[in-house]
All heavy atoms as atom14 arrays in JSON, in Angstrom:
{
  "sequence": "MYVVIGLSLGVLAGLLLDILKAHRWLQPFLAKAYLQDESGCSANT",
  "atom14_mask": [
    [1, 1, 1, 1, 1, 1, 1, 1, 0, 0, 0, 0, 0, 0],
    [1, 1, 1, 1, 1, 1, 1, 1, 1, 1, 1, 1, 0, 0],
    [1, 1, 1, 1, 1, 1, 1, 0, 0, 0, 0, 0, 0, 0],
    [1, 1, 1, 1, 1, 1, 1, 0, 0, 0, 0, 0, 0, 0],
    [1, 1, 1, 1, 1, 1, 1, 1, 0, 0, 0, 0, 0, 0],
    [1, 1, 1, 1, 0, 0, 0, 0, 0, 0, 0, 0, 0, 0],
    [1, 1, 1, 1, 1, 1, 1, 1, 0, 0, 0, 0, 0, 0],
    [1, 1, 1, 1, 1, 1, 0, 0, 0, 0, 0, 0, 0, 0],
    [1, 1, 1, 1, 1, 1, 1, 1, 0, 0, 0, 0, 0, 0],
    [1, 1, 1, 1, 0, 0, 0, 0, 0, 0, 0, 0, 0, 0],
    [1, 1, 1, 1, 1, 1, 1, 0, 0, 0, 0, 0, 0, 0],
    [1, 1, 1, 1, 1, 1, 1, 1, 0, 0, 0, 0, 0, 0],
    [1, 1, 1, 1, 1, 0, 0, 0, 0, 0, 0, 0, 0, 0],
    [1, 1, 1, 1, 0, 0, 0, 0, 0, 0, 0, 0, 0, 0],
    [1, 1, 1, 1, 1, 1, 1, 1, 0, 0, 0, 0, 0, 0],
    [1, 1, 1, 1, 1, 1, 1, 1, 0, 0, 0, 0, 0, 0],
    [1, 1, 1, 1, 1, 1, 1, 1, 0, 0, 0, 0, 0, 0],
    [1, 1, 1, 1, 1, 1, 1, 1, 0, 0, 0, 0, 0, 0],
    [1, 1, 1, 1, 1, 1, 1, 1, 0, 0, 0, 0, 0, 0],
    [1, 1, 1, 1, 1, 1, 1, 1, 0, 0, 0, 0, 0, 0],
    [1, 1, 1, 1, 1, 1, 1, 1, 1, 0, 0, 0, 0, 0],
    [1, 1, 1, 1, 1, 0, 0, 0, 0, 0, 0, 0, 0, 0],
    [1, 1, 1, 1, 1, 1, 1, 1, 1, 1, 0, 0, 0, 0],
    [1, 1, 1, 1, 1, 1, 1, 1, 1, 1, 1, 0, 0, 0],
    [1, 1, 1, 1, 1, 1, 1, 1, 1, 1, 1, 1, 1, 1],
    [1, 1, 1, 1, 1, 1, 1, 1, 0, 0, 0, 0, 0, 0],
    [1, 1, 1, 1, 1, 1, 1, 1, 1, 0, 0, 0, 0, 0],
    [1, 1, 1, 1, 1, 1, 1, 0, 0, 0, 0, 0, 0, 0],
    [1, 1, 1, 1, 1, 1, 1, 1, 1, 1, 1, 0, 0, 0],
    [1, 1, 1, 1, 1, 1, 1, 1, 0, 0, 0, 0, 0, 0],
    [1, 1, 1, 1, 1, 0, 0, 0, 0, 0, 0, 0, 0, 0],
    [1, 1, 1, 1, 1, 1, 1, 1, 1, 0, 0, 0, 0, 0],
    [1, 1, 1, 1, 1, 0, 0, 0, 0, 0, 0, 0, 0, 0],
    [1, 1, 1, 1, 1, 1, 1, 1, 1, 1, 1, 1, 0, 0],
    [1, 1, 1, 1, 1, 1, 1, 1, 0, 0, 0, 0, 0, 0],
    [1, 1, 1, 1, 1, 1, 1, 1, 1, 0, 0, 0, 0, 0],
    [1, 1, 1, 1, 1, 1, 1, 1, 0, 0, 0, 0, 0, 0],
    [1, 1, 1, 1, 1, 1, 1, 1, 1, 0, 0, 0, 0, 0],
    [1, 1, 1, 1, 1, 1, 0, 0, 0, 0, 0, 0, 0, 0],
    [1, 1, 1, 1, 0, 0, 0, 0, 0, 0, 0, 0, 0, 0],
    [1, 1, 1, 1, 1, 1, 0, 0, 0, 0, 0, 0, 0, 0],
    [1, 1, 1, 1, 1, 1, 0, 0, 0, 0, 0, 0, 0, 0],
    [1, 1, 1, 1, 1, 0, 0, 0, 0, 0, 0, 0, 0, 0],
    [1, 1, 1, 1, 1, 1, 1, 1, 0, 0, 0, 0, 0, 0],
    [1, 1, 1, 1, 1, 1, 1, 0, 0, 0, 0, 0, 0, 0]
  ],
  "atom14_positions": [
    [[153.25, 71.89, 13.01], [152.89, 73.11, 13.75], [151.86, 73.93, 12.96], [150.9, 74.44, 13.56], [154.14, 73.93, 14.03], [155.07, 73.34, 15.05], [156.4, 74.47, 15.57], [157.27, 74.68, 13.99], [0.0, 0.0, 0.0], [0.0, 0.0, 0.0], [0.0, 0.0, 0.0], [0.0, 0.0, 0.0], [0.0, 0.0, 0.0], [0.0, 0.0, 0.0]],
    [[152.06, 74.05, 11.67], [151.13, 74.85, 10.86], [149.74, 74.23, 10.9], [148.74, 74.94, 11.03], [151.66, 74.9, 9.42], [150.78, 75.7, 8.49], [150.93, 77.06, 8.35], [149.77, 75.07, 7.72], [150.14, 77.8, 7.5], [148.95, 75.81, 6.88], [149.15, 77.18, 6.78], [148.32, 77.9, 5.95], [0.0, 0.0, 0.0], [0.0, 0.0, 0.0]],
    [[149.64, 72.92, 10.73], [148.33, 72.26, 10.73], [147.64, 72.41, 12.09], [146.44, 72.7, 12.14], [148.49, 70.77, 10.37], [147.18, 70.01, 10.57], [148.96, 70.62, 8.92], [0.0, 0.0, 0.0], [0.0, 0.0, 0.0], [0.0, 0.0, 0.0], [0.0, 0.0, 0.0], [0.0, 0.0, 0.0], [0.0, 0.0, 0.0], [0.0, 0.0, 0.0]],
    [[148.38, 72.22, 13.17], [147.8, 72.35, 14.52], [147.32, 73.78, 14.74], [146.2, 73.99, 15.26], [148.86, 71.95, 15.58], [148.34, 72.31, 16.96], [149.14, 70.46, 15.5], [0.0, 0.0, 0.0], [0.0, 0.0, 0.0], [0.0, 0.0, 0.0], [0.0, 0.0, 0.0], [0.0, 0.0, 0.0], [0.0, 0.0, 0.0], [0.0, 0.0, 0.0]],
    [[148.09, 74.76, 14.31], [147.7, 76.16, 14.46], [146.43, 76.45, 13.63], [145.48, 77.09, 14.15], [148.83, 77.08, 14.05], [149.96, 77.04, 15.06], [148.32, 78.55, 13.9], [151.23, 77.74, 14.6], [0.0, 0.0, 0.0], [0.0, 0.0, 0.0], [0.0, 0.0, 0.0], [0.0, 0.0, 0.0], [0.0, 0.0, 0.0], [0.0, 0.0, 0.0]],
    [[146.4, 75.99, 12.41], [145.22, 76.22, 11.56], [143.96, 75.62, 12.13], [142.91, 76.29, 12.18], [0.0, 0.0, 0.0], [0.0, 0.0, 0.0], [0.0, 0.0, 0.0], [0.0, 0.0, 0.0], [0.0, 0.0, 0.0], [0.0, 0.0, 0.0], [0.0, 0.0, 0.0], [0.0, 0.0, 0.0], [0.0, 0.0, 0.0], [0.0, 0.0, 0.0]],
    [[144.04, 74.37, 12.6], [142.86, 73.74, 13.24], [142.46, 74.47, 14.5], [141.27, 74.67, 14.75], [143.18, 72.27, 13.52], [143.34, 71.33, 12.33], [143.81, 69.97, 12.77], [142.03, 71.22, 11.55], [0.0, 0.0, 0.0], [0.0, 0.0, 0.0], [0.0, 0.0, 0.0], [0.0, 0.0, 0.0], [0.0, 0.0, 0.0], [0.0, 0.0, 0.0]],
    [[143.46, 74.88, 15.3], [143.15, 75.55, 16.54], [142.45, 76.9, 16.32], [141.51, 77.28, 17.05], [144.44, 75.76, 17.34], [145.03, 74.54, 17.66], [0.0, 0.0, 0.0], [0.0, 0.0, 0.0], [0.0, 0.0, 0.0], [0.0, 0.0, 0.0], [0.0, 0.0, 0.0], [0.0, 0.0, 0.0], [0.0, 0.0, 0.0], [0.0, 0.0, 0.0]],
    [[142.9, 77.62, 15.29], [142.23, 78.91, 14.97], [140.76, 78.69, 14.61], [139.88, 79.45, 15.03], [142.94, 79.57, 13.77], [144.33, 80.16, 14.03], [144.88, 80.76, 12.77], [144.29, 81.21, 15.13], [0.0, 0.0, 0.0], [0.0, 0.0, 0.0], [0.0, 0.0, 0.0], [0.0, 0.0, 0.0], [0.0, 0.0, 0.0], [0.0, 0.0, 0.0]],
    [[140.47, 77.63, 13.85], [139.08, 77.34, 13.48], [138.25, 76.96, 14.69], [137.12, 77.41, 14.86], [0.0, 0.0, 0.0], [0.0, 0.0, 0.0], [0.0, 0.0, 0.0], [0.0, 0.0, 0.0], [0.0, 0.0, 0.0], [0.0, 0.0, 0.0], [0.0, 0.0, 0.0], [0.0, 0.0, 0.0], [0.0, 0.0, 0.0], [0.0, 0.0, 0.0]],
    [[138.76, 76.05, 15.54], [137.99, 75.59, 16.68], [137.73, 76.72, 17.66], [136.58, 76.86, 18.15], [138.8, 74.45, 17.4], [138.15, 74.1, 18.75], [138.86, 73.21, 16.52], [0.0, 0.0, 0.0], [0.0, 0.0, 0.0], [0.0, 0.0, 0.0], [0.0, 0.0, 0.0], [0.0, 0.0, 0.0], [0.0, 0.0, 0.0], [0.0, 0.0, 0.0]],
    [[138.74, 77.54, 17.97], [138.56, 78.64, 18.91], [137.56, 79.68, 18.35], [136.74, 80.22, 19.08], [139.89, 79.31, 19.2], [139.87, 80.46, 20.22], [139.27, 79.98, 21.55], [141.29, 81.02, 20.43], [0.0, 0.0, 0.0], [0.0, 0.0, 0.0], [0.0, 0.0, 0.0], [0.0, 0.0, 0.0], [0.0, 0.0, 0.0], [0.0, 0.0, 0.0]],
    [[137.64, 79.93, 17.05], [136.69, 80.87, 16.44], [135.27, 80.36, 16.57], [134.33, 81.13, 16.91], [137.03, 81.1, 14.98], [0.0, 0.0, 0.0], [0.0, 0.0, 0.0], [0.0, 0.0, 0.0], [0.0, 0.0, 0.0], [0.0, 0.0, 0.0], [0.0, 0.0, 0.0], [0.0, 0.0, 0.0], [0.0, 0.0, 0.0], [0.0, 0.0, 0.0]],
    [[135.06, 79.07, 16.33], [133.72, 78.5, 16.48], [133.2, 78.63, 17.89], [132.03, 79.0, 18.09], [0.0, 0.0, 0.0], [0.0, 0.0, 0.0], [0.0, 0.0, 0.0], [0.0, 0.0, 0.0], [0.0, 0.0, 0.0], [0.0, 0.0, 0.0], [0.0, 0.0, 0.0], [0.0, 0.0, 0.0], [0.0, 0.0, 0.0], [0.0, 0.0, 0.0]],
    [[134.02, 78.35, 18.85], [133.61, 78.46, 20.27], [133.21, 79.92, 20.61], [132.13, 80.14, 21.18], [134.77, 78.02, 21.17], [134.59, 78.27, 22.66], [133.42, 77.45, 23.2], [135.87, 77.9, 23.43], [0.0, 0.0, 0.0], [0.0, 0.0, 0.0], [0.0, 0.0, 0.0], [0.0, 0.0, 0.0], [0.0, 0.0, 0.0], [0.0, 0.0, 0.0]],
    [[134.02, 80.86, 20.23], [133.76, 82.27, 20.56], [132.48, 82.78, 19.92], [131.64, 83.45, 20.51], [134.93, 83.15, 20.18], [136.24, 82.95, 20.97], [137.34, 83.83, 20.37], [136.0, 83.29, 22.44], [0.0, 0.0, 0.0], [0.0, 0.0, 0.0], [0.0, 0.0, 0.0], [0.0, 0.0, 0.0], [0.0, 0.0, 0.0], [0.0, 0.0, 0.0]],
    [[132.28, 82.43, 18.63], [131.11, 82.96, 17.9], [129.83, 82.27, 18.32], [128.74, 82.89, 18.25], [131.33, 82.8, 16.4], [132.41, 83.77, 15.86], [132.67, 83.51, 14.38], [131.98, 85.21, 16.05], [0.0, 0.0, 0.0], [0.0, 0.0, 0.0], [0.0, 0.0, 0.0], [0.0, 0.0, 0.0], [0.0, 0.0, 0.0], [0.0, 0.0, 0.0]],
    [[129.89, 81.02, 18.78], [128.7, 80.43, 19.38], [128.33, 81.1, 20.69], [127.16, 81.31, 21.01], [128.92, 78.91, 19.59], [128.32, 78.11, 18.43], [127.55, 78.69, 17.62], [128.62, 76.91, 18.34], [0.0, 0.0, 0.0], [0.0, 0.0, 0.0], [0.0, 0.0, 0.0], [0.0, 0.0, 0.0], [0.0, 0.0, 0.0], [0.0, 0.0, 0.0]],
    [[129.35, 81.42, 21.51], [129.1, 82.14, 22.76], [128.44, 83.48, 22.49], [127.52, 83.91, 23.2], [130.41, 82.34, 23.54], [130.94, 80.98, 24.02], [130.22, 83.28, 24.7], [132.31, 81.05, 24.69], [0.0, 0.0, 0.0], [0.0, 0.0, 0.0], [0.0, 0.0, 0.0], [0.0, 0.0, 0.0], [0.0, 0.0, 0.0], [0.0, 0.0, 0.0]],
    [[128.86, 84.13, 21.39], [128.28, 85.45, 21.01], [126.95, 85.34, 20.3], [126.33, 86.35, 20.0], [129.28, 86.18, 20.14], [130.58, 86.64, 20.79], [131.55, 87.13, 19.7], [130.33, 87.73, 21.79], [0.0, 0.0, 0.0], [0.0, 0.0, 0.0], [0.0, 0.0, 0.0], [0.0, 0.0, 0.0], [0.0, 0.0, 0.0], [0.0, 0.0, 0.0]],
    [[126.5, 84.1, 20.05], [125.27, 83.88, 19.26], [125.32, 84.64, 17.92], [124.45, 85.44, 17.57], [124.01, 84.3, 20.07], [123.91, 83.55, 21.39], [122.61, 83.9, 22.09], [122.49, 83.26, 23.46], [122.57, 81.79, 23.41], [0.0, 0.0, 0.0], [0.0, 0.0, 0.0], [0.0, 0.0, 0.0], [0.0, 0.0, 0.0], [0.0, 0.0, 0.0]],
    [[126.39, 84.35, 17.2], [126.67, 85.1, 15.96], [125.69, 84.91, 14.84], [125.72, 85.61, 13.84], [128.11, 84.75, 15.5], [0.0, 0.0, 0.0], [0.0, 0.0, 0.0], [0.0, 0.0, 0.0], [0.0, 0.0, 0.0], [0.0, 0.0, 0.0], [0.0, 0.0, 0.0], [0.0, 0.0, 0.0], [0.0, 0.0, 0.0], [0.0, 0.0, 0.0]],
    [[124.79, 83.9, 14.97], [123.8, 83.71, 13.9], [122.9, 84.91, 13.76], [122.29, 85.1, 12.7], [122.96, 82.45, 14.19], [122.21, 82.52, 15.49], [122.71, 82.05, 16.68], [120.98, 83.04, 15.75], [121.81, 82.24, 17.63], [120.76, 82.85, 17.1], [0.0, 0.0, 0.0], [0.0, 0.0, 0.0], [0.0, 0.0, 0.0], [0.0, 0.0, 0.0]],
    [[122.87, 85.78, 14.78], [122.06, 87.0, 14.67], [122.57, 87.94, 13.64], [121.87, 88.84, 13.2], [122.08, 87.72, 16.04], [121.5, 86.95, 17.21], [121.72, 87.7, 18.52], [123.16, 87.79, 18.81], [123.65, 88.59, 19.74], [122.84, 89.4, 20.44], [124.94, 88.64, 19.99], [0.0, 0.0, 0.0], [0.0, 0.0, 0.0], [0.0, 0.0, 0.0]],
    [[123.86, 87.78, 13.26], [124.51, 88.74, 12.36], [124.67, 88.2, 10.96], [125.46, 88.75, 10.17], [125.84, 89.15, 12.95], [125.73, 89.68, 14.33], [124.72, 90.44, 14.87], [126.66, 89.5, 15.42], [124.93, 90.74, 16.15], [126.11, 90.19, 16.56], [127.88, 88.84, 15.54], [126.79, 90.23, 17.77], [128.54, 88.89, 16.74], [128.01, 89.55, 17.87]],
    [[123.94, 87.15, 10.61], [123.9, 86.71, 9.23], [122.98, 87.64, 8.45], [122.15, 88.35, 9.01], [123.35, 85.28, 9.16], [124.22, 84.16, 9.77], [123.43, 82.87, 9.88], [125.47, 83.95, 8.94], [0.0, 0.0, 0.0], [0.0, 0.0, 0.0], [0.0, 0.0, 0.0], [0.0, 0.0, 0.0], [0.0, 0.0, 0.0], [0.0, 0.0, 0.0]],
    [[123.14, 87.61, 7.11], [122.2, 88.37, 6.3], [120.79, 87.82, 6.47], [120.64, 86.6, 6.73], [122.6, 88.32, 4.81], [123.85, 89.13, 4.5], [123.65, 90.64, 4.55], [122.57, 91.11, 4.87], [124.68, 91.4, 4.25], [0.0, 0.0, 0.0], [0.0, 0.0, 0.0], [0.0, 0.0, 0.0], [0.0, 0.0, 0.0], [0.0, 0.0, 0.0]],
    [[119.72, 88.65, 6.36], [118.38, 88.19, 6.69], [117.94, 86.91, 5.99], [117.29, 86.08, 6.62], [117.52, 89.39, 6.23], [118.42, 90.57, 6.4], [119.8, 90.07, 6.02], [0.0, 0.0, 0.0], [0.0, 0.0, 0.0], [0.0, 0.0, 0.0], [0.0, 0.0, 0.0], [0.0, 0.0, 0.0], [0.0, 0.0, 0.0], [0.0, 0.0, 0.0]],
    [[118.28, 86.71, 4.73], [117.81, 85.53, 4.03], [118.45, 84.26, 4.61], [117.81, 83.19, 4.6], [118.09, 85.63, 2.52], [119.51, 85.4, 2.11], [119.9, 84.15, 1.62], [120.45, 86.4, 2.17], [121.21, 83.9, 1.23], [121.78, 86.16, 1.8], [122.16, 84.94, 1.31], [0.0, 0.0, 0.0], [0.0, 0.0, 0.0], [0.0, 0.0, 0.0]],
    [[119.68, 84.35, 5.12], [120.31, 83.19, 5.73], [119.87, 83.03, 7.19], [119.66, 81.94, 7.68], [121.83, 83.3, 5.67], [122.51, 82.68, 4.45], [124.03, 82.79, 4.62], [122.13, 81.25, 4.25], [0.0, 0.0, 0.0], [0.0, 0.0, 0.0], [0.0, 0.0, 0.0], [0.0, 0.0, 0.0], [0.0, 0.0, 0.0], [0.0, 0.0, 0.0]],
    [[119.71, 84.17, 7.87], [119.26, 84.1, 9.28], [117.89, 83.48, 9.35], [117.58, 82.71, 10.29], [119.26, 85.49, 9.89], [0.0, 0.0, 0.0], [0.0, 0.0, 0.0], [0.0, 0.0, 0.0], [0.0, 0.0, 0.0], [0.0, 0.0, 0.0], [0.0, 0.0, 0.0], [0.0, 0.0, 0.0], [0.0, 0.0, 0.0], [0.0, 0.0, 0.0]],
    [[117.05, 83.77, 8.38], [115.69, 83.21, 8.37], [115.75, 81.69, 8.21], [115.04, 80.95, 8.9], [114.9, 83.84, 7.22], [113.45, 83.3, 7.11], [112.71, 83.97, 5.98], [111.29, 83.44, 5.87], [110.57, 84.04, 4.74], [0.0, 0.0, 0.0], [0.0, 0.0, 0.0], [0.0, 0.0, 0.0], [0.0, 0.0, 0.0], [0.0, 0.0, 0.0]],
    [[116.63, 81.21, 7.31], [116.77, 79.79, 7.11], [117.35, 79.12, 8.38], [116.94, 78.03, 8.77], [117.68, 79.52, 5.91], [0.0, 0.0, 0.0], [0.0, 0.0, 0.0], [0.0, 0.0, 0.0], [0.0, 0.0, 0.0], [0.0, 0.0, 0.0], [0.0, 0.0, 0.0], [0.0, 0.0, 0.0], [0.0, 0.0, 0.0], [0.0, 0.0, 0.0]],
    [[118.28, 79.81, 9.03], [118.92, 79.26, 10.23], [117.97, 79.14, 11.38], [117.98, 78.2, 12.16], [120.11, 80.12, 10.6], [120.93, 79.58, 11.72], [121.95, 78.65, 11.51], [120.73, 79.96, 13.04], [122.72, 78.15, 12.51], [121.49, 79.48, 14.07], [122.47, 78.56, 13.81], [123.24, 78.05, 14.85], [0.0, 0.0, 0.0], [0.0, 0.0, 0.0]],
    [[117.08, 80.15, 11.51], [116.15, 80.22, 12.64], [114.77, 79.63, 12.34], [113.87, 79.72, 13.14], [116.0, 81.68, 13.1], [117.26, 82.36, 13.62], [117.02, 83.85, 13.85], [117.73, 81.68, 14.91], [0.0, 0.0, 0.0], [0.0, 0.0, 0.0], [0.0, 0.0, 0.0], [0.0, 0.0, 0.0], [0.0, 0.0, 0.0], [0.0, 0.0, 0.0]],
    [[114.65, 79.02, 11.18], [113.36, 78.43, 10.8], [112.93, 77.4, 11.82], [113.76, 76.68, 12.4], [113.5, 77.75, 9.43], [112.19, 77.34, 8.82], [112.4, 76.78, 7.42], [113.53, 76.48, 7.03], [111.37, 76.63, 6.65], [0.0, 0.0, 0.0], [0.0, 0.0, 0.0], [0.0, 0.0, 0.0], [0.0, 0.0, 0.0], [0.0, 0.0, 0.0]],
    [[111.65, 77.33, 12.1], [111.15, 76.39, 13.12], [111.67, 74.99, 12.89], [111.35, 74.36, 11.89], [109.63, 76.39, 13.1], [109.04, 75.45, 14.16], [109.21, 75.76, 15.34], [108.48, 74.42, 13.78], [0.0, 0.0, 0.0], [0.0, 0.0, 0.0], [0.0, 0.0, 0.0], [0.0, 0.0, 0.0], [0.0, 0.0, 0.0], [0.0, 0.0, 0.0]],
    [[112.48, 74.51, 13.81], [113.14, 73.28, 13.62], [112.22, 72.08, 13.66], [112.31, 71.14, 12.86], [114.26, 73.1, 14.68], [115.08, 71.86, 14.5], [116.26, 71.82, 15.46], [116.68, 72.9, 15.9], [116.73, 70.71, 15.76], [0.0, 0.0, 0.0], [0.0, 0.0, 0.0], [0.0, 0.0, 0.0], [0.0, 0.0, 0.0], [0.0, 0.0, 0.0]],
    [[111.3, 72.08, 14.62], [110.42, 70.94, 14.78], [109.53, 70.71, 13.56], [109.37, 69.61, 13.06], [109.58, 71.1, 16.04], [108.75, 72.26, 15.95], [0.0, 0.0, 0.0], [0.0, 0.0, 0.0], [0.0, 0.0, 0.0], [0.0, 0.0, 0.0], [0.0, 0.0, 0.0], [0.0, 0.0, 0.0], [0.0, 0.0, 0.0], [0.0, 0.0, 0.0]],
    [[108.98, 71.8, 13.04], [108.09, 71.68, 11.89], [108.84, 71.2, 10.64], [108.38, 70.31, 9.94], [0.0, 0.0, 0.0], [0.0, 0.0, 0.0], [0.0, 0.0, 0.0], [0.0, 0.0, 0.0], [0.0, 0.0, 0.0], [0.0, 0.0, 0.0], [0.0, 0.0, 0.0], [0.0, 0.0, 0.0], [0.0, 0.0, 0.0], [0.0, 0.0, 0.0]],
    [[110.02, 71.77, 10.46], [110.78, 71.42, 9.26], [111.31, 69.96, 9.36], [111.25, 69.23, 8.42], [111.97, 72.38, 9.08], [112.88, 72.07, 7.57], [0.0, 0.0, 0.0], [0.0, 0.0, 0.0], [0.0, 0.0, 0.0], [0.0, 0.0, 0.0], [0.0, 0.0, 0.0], [0.0, 0.0, 0.0], [0.0, 0.0, 0.0], [0.0, 0.0, 0.0]],
    [[111.8, 69.58, 10.54], [112.31, 68.24, 10.7], [111.23, 67.2, 10.54], [111.44, 66.18, 9.89], [112.98, 68.08, 12.07], [114.1, 68.93, 12.19], [0.0, 0.0, 0.0], [0.0, 0.0, 0.0], [0.0, 0.0, 0.0], [0.0, 0.0, 0.0], [0.0, 0.0, 0.0], [0.0, 0.0, 0.0], [0.0, 0.0, 0.0], [0.0, 0.0, 0.0]],
    [[110.07, 67.49, 11.1], [108.98, 66.53, 10.99], [108.59, 66.33, 9.55], [108.37, 65.21, 9.06], [107.79, 67.0, 11.82], [0.0, 0.0, 0.0], [0.0, 0.0, 0.0], [0.0, 0.0, 0.0], [0.0, 0.0, 0.0], [0.0, 0.0, 0.0], [0.0, 0.0, 0.0], [0.0, 0.0, 0.0], [0.0, 0.0, 0.0], [0.0, 0.0, 0.0]],
    [[108.53, 67.45, 8.81], [108.16, 67.36, 7.42], [109.18, 66.57, 6.61], [108.84, 65.78, 5.75], [108.0, 68.77, 6.82], [107.58, 68.78, 5.41], [106.5, 68.31, 5.05], [108.43, 69.32, 4.52], [0.0, 0.0, 0.0], [0.0, 0.0, 0.0], [0.0, 0.0, 0.0], [0.0, 0.0, 0.0], [0.0, 0.0, 0.0], [0.0, 0.0, 0.0]],
    [[110.45, 66.81, 6.96], [111.51, 66.12, 6.24], [111.48, 64.63, 6.51], [111.64, 63.81, 5.59], [112.88, 66.71, 6.63], [112.89, 68.1, 6.31], [114.01, 66.02, 5.89], [0.0, 0.0, 0.0], [0.0, 0.0, 0.0], [0.0, 0.0, 0.0], [0.0, 0.0, 0.0], [0.0, 0.0, 0.0], [0.0, 0.0, 0.0], [0.0, 0.0, 0.0]]
  ]
}
């Protein structure tokens, strides 16, 4: 029961915060890395 509850808390939190687009509320230095142009960075990598 404890393991199922712990996993469920994590999964539900992830769902809710993605719906809220919570990446907007990271500190600027992390938000910048998160929102970095994906196509340019991936191509370079």
